[in-house]
Amino acid sequence: MPSLGSGEILVVALVALLVLGPERLPEAIRGVAKFIGQLRSTANSFSNELREALDEAVEVEARERGRRTDAAASEERASPDGD
């Protein structure tokens, strides 16, 4: 996410003040803040769901590898001469 310096923030605030006026500016700031909060919440939710899905896939793969390893060990125990 790009970061804004204090100079850029000041310019944006001045332009917003000129365009919206002092009466509507606080309402606009609240609306933007609410939108950013919802956007962050959505991004966090998506990130959590993706992380859970990946963790589940890794867990399933680990179980499958464990089963294959267990099956190979059982075969080795069944034929002690290695055939």
PDB file of N, CA and C in Angstrom:
ATOM      1  N   MET A   1       0.845  -1.164   0.000  1.00  0.00           N
ATOM      2  CA  MET A   1       0.000   0.000   0.000  1.00  0.00           C
ATOM      3  C   MET A   1       0.894   1.232   0.000  1.00  0.00           C
ATOM      4  N   PRO A   2       0.645   2.146  -0.924  1.00  0.00           N
ATOM      5  CA  PRO A   2       1.511   3.321  -0.982  1.00  0.00           C
ATOM      6  C   PRO A   2       1.308   4.202   0.244  1.00  0.00           C
ATOM      7  N   SER A   3       2.400   4.771   0.688  1.00  0.00           N
ATOM      8  CA  SER A   3       2.305   5.647   1.857  1.00  0.00           C
ATOM      9  C   SER A   3       2.323   7.095   1.394  1.00  0.00           C
ATOM     10  N   LEU A   4       1.613   7.912   2.119  1.00  0.00           N
ATOM     11  CA  LEU A   4       1.557   9.334   1.823  1.00  0.00           C
ATOM     12  C   LEU A   4       2.377  10.093   2.848  1.00  0.00           C
ATOM     13  N   GLY A   5       3.139  11.046   2.363  1.00  0.00           N
ATOM     14  CA  GLY A   5       3.882  11.902   3.265  1.00  0.00           C
ATOM     15  C   GLY A   5       2.994  13.013   3.790  1.00  0.00           C
ATOM     16  N   SER A   6       3.526  13.773   4.715  1.00  0.00           N
ATOM     17  CA  SER A   6       2.729  14.846   5.306  1.00  0.00           C
ATOM     18  C   SER A   6       2.379  15.918   4.278  1.00  0.00           C
ATOM     19  N   GLY A   7       3.257  16.162   3.331  1.00  0.00           N
ATOM     20  CA  GLY A   7       2.975  17.145   2.287  1.00  0.00           C
ATOM     21  C   GLY A   7       1.807  16.736   1.407  1.00  0.00           C
ATOM     22  N   GLU A   8       1.783  15.469   1.008  1.00  0.00           N
ATOM     23  CA  GLU A   8       0.685  14.972   0.172  1.00  0.00           C
ATOM     24  C   GLU A   8      -0.642  15.008   0.918  1.00  0.00           C
ATOM     25  N   ILE A   9      -0.598  14.635   2.189  1.00  0.00           N
ATOM     26  CA  ILE A   9      -1.829  14.660   2.988  1.00  0.00           C
ATOM     27  C   ILE A   9      -2.358  16.082   3.116  1.00  0.00           C
ATOM     28  N   LEU A  10      -1.463  17.030   3.312  1.00  0.00           N
ATOM     29  CA  LEU A  10      -1.860  18.429   3.426  1.00  0.00           C
ATOM     30  C   LEU A  10      -2.500  18.934   2.133  1.00  0.00           C
ATOM     31  N   VAL A  11      -1.920  18.570   0.994  1.00  0.00           N
ATOM     32  CA  VAL A  11      -2.481  18.985  -0.296  1.00  0.00           C
ATOM     33  C   VAL A  11      -3.867  18.377  -0.496  1.00  0.00           C
ATOM     34  N   VAL A  12      -4.019  17.098  -0.196  1.00  0.00           N
ATOM     35  CA  VAL A  12      -5.320  16.436  -0.342  1.00  0.00           C
ATOM     36  C   VAL A  12      -6.347  17.090   0.580  1.00  0.00           C
ATOM     37  N   ALA A  13      -5.952  17.401   1.804  1.00  0.00           N
ATOM     38  CA  ALA A  13      -6.871  18.033   2.751  1.00  0.00           C
ATOM     39  C   ALA A  13      -7.293  19.418   2.271  1.00  0.00           C
ATOM     40  N   LEU A  14      -6.361  20.187   1.738  1.00  0.00           N
ATOM     41  CA  LEU A  14      -6.697  21.512   1.221  1.00  0.00           C
ATOM     42  C   LEU A  14      -7.633  21.449   0.023  1.00  0.00           C
ATOM     43  N   VAL A  15      -7.365  20.522  -0.890  1.00  0.00           N
ATOM     44  CA  VAL A  15      -8.238  20.373  -2.065  1.00  0.00           C
ATOM     45  C   VAL A  15      -9.626  19.936  -1.612  1.00  0.00           C
ATOM     46  N   ALA A  16      -9.686  18.987  -0.678  1.00  0.00           N
ATOM     47  CA  ALA A  16     -10.981  18.526  -0.173  1.00  0.00           C
ATOM     48  C   ALA A  16     -11.728  19.672   0.498  1.00  0.00           C
ATOM     49  N   LEU A  17     -11.026  20.490   1.251  1.00  0.00           N
ATOM     50  CA  LEU A  17     -11.656  21.624   1.918  1.00  0.00           C
ATOM     51  C   LEU A  17     -12.205  22.617   0.902  1.00  0.00           C
ATOM     52  N   LEU A  18     -11.442  22.872  -0.156  1.00  0.00           N
ATOM     53  CA  LEU A  18     -11.897  23.799  -1.194  1.00  0.00           C
ATOM     54  C   LEU A  18     -13.084  23.247  -1.974  1.00  0.00           C
ATOM     55  N   VAL A  19     -13.050  21.945  -2.285  1.00  0.00           N
ATOM     56  CA  VAL A  19     -14.114  21.344  -3.098  1.00  0.00           C
ATOM     57  C   VAL A  19     -15.386  21.140  -2.278  1.00  0.00           C
ATOM     58  N   LEU A  20     -15.251  20.598  -1.073  1.00  0.00           N
ATOM     59  CA  LEU A  20     -16.422  20.237  -0.276  1.00  0.00           C
ATOM     60  C   LEU A  20     -16.899  21.352   0.642  1.00  0.00           C
ATOM     61  N   GLY A  21     -15.991  22.170   1.076  1.00  0.00           N
ATOM     62  CA  GLY A  21     -16.360  23.217   2.021  1.00  0.00           C
ATOM     63  C   GLY A  21     -16.274  22.689   3.437  1.00  0.00           C
ATOM     64  N   PRO A  22     -16.219  23.598   4.396  1.00  0.00           N
ATOM     65  CA  PRO A  22     -16.047  23.181   5.801  1.00  0.00           C
ATOM     66  C   PRO A  22     -17.266  22.472   6.380  1.00  0.00           C
ATOM     67  N   GLU A  23     -18.454  22.653   5.783  1.00  0.00           N
ATOM     68  CA  GLU A  23     -19.649  22.005   6.328  1.00  0.00           C
ATOM     69  C   GLU A  23     -19.698  20.517   5.978  1.00  0.00           C
ATOM     70  N   ARG A  24     -19.322  20.183   4.745  1.00  0.00           N
ATOM     71  CA  ARG A  24     -19.447  18.792   4.285  1.00  0.00           C
ATOM     72  C   ARG A  24     -18.169  17.983   4.465  1.00  0.00           C
ATOM     73  N   LEU A  25     -17.063  18.621   4.760  1.00  0.00           N
ATOM     74  CA  LEU A  25     -15.790  17.915   4.884  1.00  0.00           C
ATOM     75  C   LEU A  25     -15.788  16.850   5.991  1.00  0.00           C
ATOM     76  N   PRO A  26     -16.252  17.150   7.208  1.00  0.00           N
ATOM     77  CA  PRO A  26     -16.244  16.100   8.248  1.00  0.00           C
ATOM     78  C   PRO A  26     -17.081  14.874   7.869  1.00  0.00           C
ATOM     79  N   GLU A  27     -18.213  15.092   7.230  1.00  0.00           N
ATOM     80  CA  GLU A  27     -19.056  13.978   6.793  1.00  0.00           C
ATOM     81  C   GLU A  27     -18.336  13.141   5.732  1.00  0.00           C
ATOM     82  N   ALA A  28     -17.657  13.812   4.826  1.00  0.00           N
ATOM     83  CA  ALA A  28     -16.912  13.101   3.778  1.00  0.00           C
ATOM     84  C   ALA A  28     -15.768  12.289   4.384  1.00  0.00           C
ATOM     85  N   ILE A  29     -15.085  12.858   5.367  1.00  0.00           N
ATOM     86  CA  ILE A  29     -13.982  12.137   6.024  1.00  0.00           C
ATOM     87  C   ILE A  29     -14.508  10.901   6.736  1.00  0.00           C
ATOM     88  N   ARG A  30     -15.653  11.024   7.416  1.00  0.00           N
ATOM     89  CA  ARG A  30     -16.250   9.856   8.077  1.00  0.00           C
ATOM     90  C   ARG A  30     -16.631   8.782   7.063  1.00  0.00           C
ATOM     91  N   GLY A  31     -17.180   9.206   5.929  1.00  0.00           N
ATOM     92  CA  GLY A  31     -17.553   8.245   4.887  1.00  0.00           C
ATOM     93  C   GLY A  31     -16.344   7.517   4.324  1.00  0.00           C
ATOM     94  N   VAL A  32     -15.256   8.252   4.081  1.00  0.00           N
ATOM     95  CA  VAL A  32     -14.030   7.639   3.566  1.00  0.00           C
ATOM     96  C   VAL A  32     -13.444   6.686   4.614  1.00  0.00           C
ATOM     97  N   ALA A  33     -13.436   7.112   5.870  1.00  0.00           N
ATOM     98  CA  ALA A  33     -12.909   6.262   6.936  1.00  0.00           C
ATOM     99  C   ALA A  33     -13.733   4.974   7.074  1.00  0.00           C
ATOM    100  N   LYS A  34     -15.049   5.085   6.964  1.00  0.00           N
ATOM    101  CA  LYS A  34     -15.919   3.910   7.047  1.00  0.00           C
ATOM    102  C   LYS A  34     -15.640   2.961   5.879  1.00  0.00           C
ATOM    103  N   PHE A  35     -15.469   3.523   4.680  1.00  0.00           N
ATOM    104  CA  PHE A  35     -15.172   2.709   3.501  1.00  0.00           C
ATOM    105  C   PHE A  35     -13.838   1.988   3.665  1.00  0.00           C
ATOM    106  N   ILE A  36     -12.825   2.693   4.152  1.00  0.00           N
ATOM    107  CA  ILE A  36     -11.513   2.077   4.349  1.00  0.00           C
ATOM    108  C   ILE A  36     -11.606   0.969   5.397  1.00  0.00           C
ATOM    109  N   GLY A  37     -12.379   1.187   6.444  1.00  0.00           N
ATOM    110  CA  GLY A  37     -12.568   0.153   7.459  1.00  0.00           C
ATOM    111  C   GLY A  37     -13.227  -1.091   6.893  1.00  0.00           C
ATOM    112  N   GLN A  38     -14.254  -0.899   6.070  1.00  0.00           N
ATOM    113  CA  GLN A  38     -14.925  -2.037   5.441  1.00  0.00           C
ATOM    114  C   GLN A  38     -13.994  -2.753   4.474  1.00  0.00           C
ATOM    115  N   LEU A  39     -13.192  -1.991   3.746  1.00  0.00           N
ATOM    116  CA  LEU A  39     -12.237  -2.577   2.806  1.00  0.00           C
ATOM    117  C   LEU A  39     -11.194  -3.412   3.547  1.00  0.00           C
ATOM    118  N   ARG A  40     -10.689  -2.893   4.648  1.00  0.00           N
ATOM    119  CA  ARG A  40      -9.724  -3.646   5.456  1.00  0.00           C
ATOM    120  C   ARG A  40     -10.358  -4.910   6.026  1.00  0.00           C
ATOM    121  N   SER A  41     -11.594  -4.795   6.497  1.00  0.00           N
ATOM    122  CA  SER A  41     -12.286  -5.956   7.052  1.00  0.00           C
ATOM    123  C   SER A  41     -12.470  -7.039   5.993  1.00  0.00           C
ATOM    124  N   THR A  42     -12.861  -6.626   4.807  1.00  0.00           N
ATOM    125  CA  THR A  42     -13.038  -7.574   3.715  1.00  0.00           C
ATOM    126  C   THR A  42     -11.711  -8.219   3.341  1.00  0.00           C
ATOM    127  N   ALA A  43     -10.656  -7.420   3.270  1.00  0.00           N
ATOM    128  CA  ALA A  43      -9.340  -7.957   2.931  1.00  0.00           C
ATOM    129  C   ALA A  43      -8.854  -8.936   3.994  1.00  0.00           C
ATOM    130  N   ASN A  44      -9.059  -8.606   5.271  1.00  0.00           N
ATOM    131  CA  ASN A  44      -8.662  -9.513   6.349  1.00  0.00           C
ATOM    132  C   ASN A  44      -9.462 -10.807   6.302  1.00  0.00           C
ATOM    133  N   SER A  45     -10.750 -10.706   6.033  1.00  0.00           N
ATOM    134  CA  SER A  45     -11.599 -11.890   5.940  1.00  0.00           C
ATOM    135  C   SER A  45     -11.135 -12.784   4.791  1.00  0.00           C
ATOM    136  N   PHE A  46     -10.868 -12.180   3.649  1.00  0.00           N
ATOM    137  CA  PHE A  46     -10.392 -12.944   2.496  1.00  0.00           C
ATOM    138  C   PHE A  46      -9.060 -13.601   2.807  1.00  0.00           C
ATOM    139  N   SER A  47      -8.166 -12.860   3.429  1.00  0.00           N
ATOM    140  CA  SER A  47      -6.855 -13.394   3.791  1.00  0.00           C
ATOM    141  C   SER A  47      -6.982 -14.574   4.751  1.00  0.00           C
ATOM    142  N   ASN A  48      -7.851 -14.445   5.748  1.00  0.00           N
ATOM    143  CA  ASN A  48      -8.057 -15.536   6.707  1.00  0.00           C
ATOM    144  C   ASN A  48      -8.632 -16.774   6.035  1.00  0.00           C
ATOM    145  N   GLU A  49      -9.602 -16.585   5.147  1.00  0.00           N
ATOM    146  CA  GLU A  49     -10.192 -17.726   4.446  1.00  0.00           C
ATOM    147  C   GLU A  49      -9.162 -18.412   3.562  1.00  0.00           C
ATOM    148  N   LEU A  50      -8.338 -17.625   2.880  1.00  0.00           N
ATOM    149  CA  LEU A  50      -7.301 -18.196   2.023  1.00  0.00           C
ATOM    150  C   LEU A  50      -6.282 -18.957   2.860  1.00  0.00           C
ATOM    151  N   ARG A  51      -5.880 -18.385   3.986  1.00  0.00           N
ATOM    152  CA  ARG A  51      -4.917 -19.040   4.866  1.00  0.00           C
ATOM    153  C   ARG A  51      -5.490 -20.362   5.397  1.00  0.00           C
ATOM    154  N   GLU A  52      -6.766 -20.360   5.793  1.00  0.00           N
ATOM    155  CA  GLU A  52      -7.386 -21.588   6.291  1.00  0.00           C
ATOM    156  C   GLU A  52      -7.457 -22.650   5.204  1.00  0.00           C
ATOM    157  N   ALA A  53      -7.786 -22.247   3.984  1.00  0.00           N
ATOM    158  CA  ALA A  53      -7.857 -23.201   2.878  1.00  0.00           C
ATOM    159  C   ALA A  53      -6.484 -23.795   2.583  1.00  0.00           C
ATOM    160  N   LEU A  54      -5.459 -22.963   2.595  1.00  0.00           N
ATOM    161  CA  LEU A  54      -4.107 -23.463   2.355  1.00  0.00           C
ATOM    162  C   LEU A  54      -3.646 -24.379   3.482  1.00  0.00           C
ATOM    163  N   ASP A  55      -3.956 -24.017   4.716  1.00  0.00           N
ATOM    164  CA  ASP A  55      -3.593 -24.870   5.852  1.00  0.00           C
ATOM    165  C   ASP A  55      -4.282 -26.224   5.742  1.00  0.00           C
ATOM    166  N   GLU A  56      -5.543 -26.213   5.343  1.00  0.00           N
ATOM    167  CA  GLU A  56      -6.281 -27.467   5.184  1.00  0.00           C
ATOM    168  C   GLU A  56      -5.666 -28.321   4.085  1.00  0.00           C
ATOM    169  N   ALA A  57      -5.289 -27.693   2.979  1.00  0.00           N
ATOM    170  CA  ALA A  57      -4.672 -28.432   1.880  1.00  0.00           C
ATOM    171  C   ALA A  57      -3.335 -29.032   2.315  1.00  0.00           C
ATOM    172  N   VAL A  58      -2.551 -28.289   3.061  1.00  0.00           N
ATOM    173  CA  VAL A  58      -1.270 -28.796   3.553  1.00  0.00           C
ATOM    174  C   VAL A  58      -1.499 -29.951   4.519  1.00  0.00           C
ATOM    175  N   GLU A  59      -2.508 -29.828   5.367  1.00  0.00           N
ATOM    176  CA  GLU A  59      -2.812 -30.888   6.328  1.00  0.00           C
ATOM    177  C   GLU A  59      -3.241 -32.170   5.607  1.00  0.00           C
ATOM    178  N   VAL A  60      -4.064 -32.040   4.590  1.00  0.00           N
ATOM    179  CA  VAL A  60      -4.511 -33.204   3.819  1.00  0.00           C
ATOM    180  C   VAL A  60      -3.313 -33.859   3.132  1.00  0.00           C
ATOM    181  N   GLU A  61      -2.440 -33.053   2.556  1.00  0.00           N
ATOM    182  CA  GLU A  61      -1.253 -33.587   1.888  1.00  0.00           C
ATOM    183  C   GLU A  61      -0.348 -34.306   2.881  1.00  0.00           C
ATOM    184  N   ALA A  62      -0.205 -33.748   4.076  1.00  0.00           N
ATOM    185  CA  ALA A  62       0.628 -34.385   5.096  1.00  0.00           C
ATOM    186  C   ALA A  62       0.026 -35.716   5.521  1.00  0.00           C
ATOM    187  N   ARG A  63      -1.302 -35.764   5.659  1.00  0.00           N
ATOM    188  CA  ARG A  63      -1.957 -37.030   6.014  1.00  0.00           C
ATOM    189  C   ARG A  63      -1.756 -38.069   4.917  1.00  0.00           C
ATOM    190  N   GLU A  64      -1.880 -37.630   3.663  1.00  0.00           N
ATOM    191  CA  GLU A  64      -1.695 -38.556   2.538  1.00  0.00           C
ATOM    192  C   GLU A  64      -0.263 -39.085   2.514  1.00  0.00           C
ATOM    193  N   ARG A  65       0.695 -38.226   2.753  1.00  0.00           N
ATOM    194  CA  ARG A  65       2.088 -38.680   2.783  1.00  0.00           C
ATOM    195  C   ARG A  65       2.307 -39.648   3.929  1.00  0.00           C
ATOM    196  N   GLY A  66       1.670 -39.390   5.064  1.00  0.00           N
ATOM    197  CA  GLY A  66       1.782 -40.282   6.203  1.00  0.00           C
ATOM    198  C   GLY A  66       1.199 -41.649   5.891  1.00  0.00           C
ATOM    199  N   ARG A  67       0.080 -41.673   5.184  1.00  0.00           N
ATOM    200  CA  ARG A  67      -0.541 -42.954   4.814  1.00  0.00           C
ATOM    201  C   ARG A  67       0.362 -43.728   3.864  1.00  0.00           C
ATOM    202  N   ARG A  68       0.967 -43.002   2.897  1.00  0.00           N
ATOM    203  CA  ARG A  68       1.862 -43.679   1.961  1.00  0.00           C
ATOM    204  C   ARG A  68       3.078 -44.231   2.695  1.00  0.00           C
ATOM    205  N   THR A  69       3.599 -43.473   3.640  1.00  0.00           N
ATOM    206  CA  THR A  69       4.746 -43.925   4.423  1.00  0.00           C
ATOM    207  C   THR A  69       4.355 -45.125   5.276  1.00  0.00           C
ATOM    208  N   ASP A  70       3.170 -45.089   5.889  1.00  0.00           N
ATOM    209  CA  ASP A  70       2.694 -46.215   6.693  1.00  0.00           C
ATOM    210  C   ASP A  70       2.498 -47.458   5.835  1.00  0.00           C
ATOM    211  N   ALA A  71       1.978 -47.277   4.630  1.00  0.00           N
ATOM    212  CA  ALA A  71       1.765 -48.420   3.738  1.00  0.00           C
ATOM    213  C   ALA A  71       3.093 -49.029   3.324  1.00  0.00           C
ATOM    214  N   ALA A  72       4.082 -48.211   3.030  1.00  0.00           N
ATOM    215  CA  ALA A  72       5.400 -48.726   2.649  1.00  0.00           C
ATOM    216  C   ALA A  72       6.043 -49.467   3.816  1.00  0.00           C
ATOM    217  N   ALA A  73       5.877 -48.960   5.026  1.00  0.00           N
ATOM    218  CA  ALA A  73       6.435 -49.627   6.205  1.00  0.00           C
ATOM    219  C   ALA A  73       5.736 -50.956   6.440  1.00  0.00           C
ATOM    220  N   SER A  74       4.428 -51.011   6.205  1.00  0.00           N
ATOM    221  CA  SER A  74       3.699 -52.268   6.380  1.00  0.00           C
ATOM    222  C   SER A  74       4.160 -53.297   5.372  1.00  0.00           C
ATOM    223  N   GLU A  75       4.414 -52.864   4.153  1.00  0.00           N
ATOM    224  CA  GLU A  75       4.910 -53.800   3.129  1.00  0.00           C
ATOM    225  C   GLU A  75       6.275 -54.332   3.491  1.00  0.00           C
ATOM    226  N   GLU A  76       7.126 -53.477   4.048  1.00  0.00           N
ATOM    227  CA  GLU A  76       8.467 -53.922   4.435  1.00  0.00           C
ATOM    228  C   GLU A  76       8.388 -54.938   5.571  1.00  0.00           C
ATOM    229  N   ARG A  77       7.446 -54.722   6.496  1.00  0.00           N
ATOM    230  CA  ARG A  77       7.275 -55.659   7.608  1.00  0.00           C
ATOM    231  C   ARG A  77       6.683 -56.993   7.116  1.00  0.00           C
ATOM    232  N   ALA A  78       5.845 -56.930   6.099  1.00  0.00           N
ATOM    233  CA  ALA A  78       5.204 -58.142   5.584  1.00  0.00           C
ATOM    234  C   ALA A  78       6.213 -59.040   4.868  1.00  0.00           C
ATOM    235  N   SER A  79       7.184 -58.446   4.186  1.00  0.00           N
ATOM    236  CA  SER A  79       8.198 -59.256   3.484  1.00  0.00           C
ATOM    237  C   SER A  79       9.581 -58.901   4.037  1.00  0.00           C
ATOM    238  N   PRO A  80      10.012 -59.630   5.056  1.00  0.00           N
ATOM    239  CA  PRO A  80      11.279 -59.301   5.712  1.00  0.00           C
ATOM    240  C   PRO A  80      12.490 -59.471   4.823  1.00  0.00           C
ATOM    241  N   ASP A  81      12.412 -60.285   3.751  1.00  0.00           N
ATOM    242  CA  ASP A  81      13.595 -60.488   2.898  1.00  0.00           C
ATOM    243  C   ASP A  81      13.747 -59.372   1.870  1.00  0.00           C
ATOM    244  N   GLY A  82      12.780 -58.439   1.784  1.00  0.00           N
ATOM    245  CA  GLY A  82      12.899 -57.277   0.923  1.00  0.00           C
ATOM    246  C   GLY A  82      12.358 -57.491  -0.459  1.00  0.00           C
ATOM    247  N   ASP A  83      11.693 -58.622  -0.753  1.00  0.00           N
ATOM    248  CA  ASP A  83      11.108 -58.872  -2.093  1.00  0.00           C
ATOM    249  C   ASP A  83       9.898 -58.074  -2.332  1.00  0.00           C
TER     250      ASP A  83
END
